[in-house]
Amino acid sequence: MLRDVTLNWPISFLQVGTLYAVAAGAAAGTLFLLAELGTPTSIAGLVCVAATTTVRLAAIS
C-alpha cells in the first residue's frame, strides 16, 4: 500500500483480483497449522511462501 500511495496509484490492496489479504491469511493459517503439528520453522516458512505464491498467482491470472 505504501508503494501505491507514494506513486499516487490506486491502492491495489483494495482492488478486485489482488487478494493480498487472502494470501496473507492463507500463509498465516498454514504457518499456525504447521507449527501446531511440530513442523520445523524453516520448512513451515517455505510451505507458507509456496501457499502465498500460489494464491497470488491464482488471483492475477
Protein backbone atom coordinates (compact mmCIF):
# COMPACT_ATOMS: atom_id res chain seq x y z
CA MET A 1 0.00 0.00 0.00
CA LEU A 2 2.83 2.39 0.79
CA ARG A 3 4.21 1.91 -2.72
CA ASP A 4 0.83 2.71 -4.24
CA VAL A 5 0.33 5.83 -2.10
CA THR A 6 3.86 7.05 -2.76
CA LEU A 7 3.48 6.64 -6.52
CA ASN A 8 -0.05 8.07 -6.47
CA TRP A 9 -1.52 4.84 -7.89
CA PRO A 10 -4.88 3.35 -6.91
CA ILE A 11 -4.34 1.21 -3.83
CA SER A 12 -4.08 -2.30 -5.25
CA PHE A 13 -4.89 -3.89 -1.87
CA LEU A 14 -8.48 -2.71 -2.30
CA GLN A 15 -8.92 -3.76 -5.93
CA VAL A 16 -10.62 -6.95 -7.02
CA GLY A 17 -8.18 -9.61 -8.19
CA THR A 18 -5.23 -8.79 -5.96
CA LEU A 19 -6.18 -10.84 -2.88
CA TYR A 20 -3.31 -9.64 -0.70
CA ALA A 21 -5.28 -10.23 2.49
CA VAL A 22 -6.41 -13.69 1.41
CA ALA A 23 -2.84 -14.68 0.55
CA ALA A 24 -1.58 -13.36 3.89
CA GLY A 25 -4.35 -15.16 5.74
CA ALA A 26 -3.62 -18.42 3.93
CA ALA A 27 0.05 -18.13 4.84
CA ALA A 28 -0.69 -17.30 8.47
CA GLY A 29 -3.15 -20.17 8.78
CA THR A 30 -0.71 -22.56 7.17
CA LEU A 31 2.10 -21.46 9.47
CA PHE A 32 -0.11 -21.84 12.54
CA LEU A 33 -1.25 -25.30 11.50
CA LEU A 34 2.26 -26.50 10.68
CA ALA A 35 3.63 -25.08 13.95
CA GLU A 36 0.93 -26.93 15.89
CA LEU A 37 1.88 -30.14 14.09
CA GLY A 38 5.52 -29.68 15.11
CA THR A 39 6.95 -28.94 11.68
CA PRO A 40 10.38 -27.26 11.78
CA THR A 41 10.11 -23.50 11.33
CA SER A 42 12.27 -23.36 8.20
CA ILE A 43 10.15 -25.95 6.40
CA ALA A 44 6.92 -24.33 7.58
CA GLY A 45 8.19 -20.99 6.27
CA LEU A 46 8.92 -22.45 2.85
CA VAL A 47 5.47 -24.03 2.71
CA CYS A 48 3.93 -20.65 3.61
CA VAL A 49 5.87 -18.95 0.82
CA ALA A 50 4.55 -21.56 -1.60
CA ALA A 51 0.96 -21.10 -0.34
CA THR A 52 1.18 -17.32 -0.65
CA THR A 53 2.69 -17.52 -4.12
CA THR A 54 0.01 -19.94 -5.27
CA VAL A 55 -2.83 -17.72 -4.04
CA ARG A 56 -1.29 -14.58 -5.58
CA LEU A 57 -0.65 -16.24 -8.94
CA ALA A 58 -4.19 -17.59 -8.98
CA ALA A 59 -5.52 -14.10 -8.23
CA ILE A 60 -3.70 -12.37 -11.05
CA SER A 61 -4.27 -14.97 -13.75
